[in-house]
Amino acid sequence: METNTNIQKEQMLKTLLQEFKTSNNLDKIITYFGDVTSKTVIIGESPTPSHYVSNSNKAFCFDIEDFDHTGRSGEVLLKVLKDLNIDKNTLLFNNLFKIPYQDVNNTNHSLHIELFNKELEIIDPDTIIILGNIAWNHFPFTNFEKKNIIRIFHPAYILRHNYKYYDDYLYKWRKALCK
């Protein structure tokens, strides 16, 4: 596949996401954040309800600045990146589902996974970091066999244990991102 520029990838993704939004009668969806040419993509399950509300006036969310407002788990992830001296703008953050997690059980999972597959085909990362069990259990592995796929605890795990395992968590991130 020919390498697409940042602008081409952005346009392809916007078109894809608009079609998904329209065909599924969704008022809005929360999409990716970051650099679409990044070779590392970090995958979560779905946007948080607070993130969805904080972007209530947007049909899409393509702004990396919004990543700062994803709640306490987002704060943990930002701390990891800061501790590793990694600029969040050099990565791409995405979710398997584009709607708040409390609505995921009431949706057709296969439609979201199909959309996610198409997104990753456009982005074409080398490394995919999957956060948490839910994202891991829904990830379409067979489509990305040749990628470096890494499983890391969701940042909420660190919060539930009051940062007790933060050093181990940071080590896992260092192994994944600092080559």
Foldseek 3Di string as FASTA:
>chain_A
DDADDQVVLVVVLVVLVVVLCVVVVHQAFEWKEAGLQAQEEEEEAEQAPQLCVVPVVDRYDHYNVSLVVRPDLSVLVVVLCVVVVHDRRNYMYGYLGGDHPVCVVVDDSVSSQVSVLVSCVSSVHQEYEYEDDVSVVSHPCVSPVRHHYHYAYRSVVCVVVVNPCVVVRSVSVCVRPPD
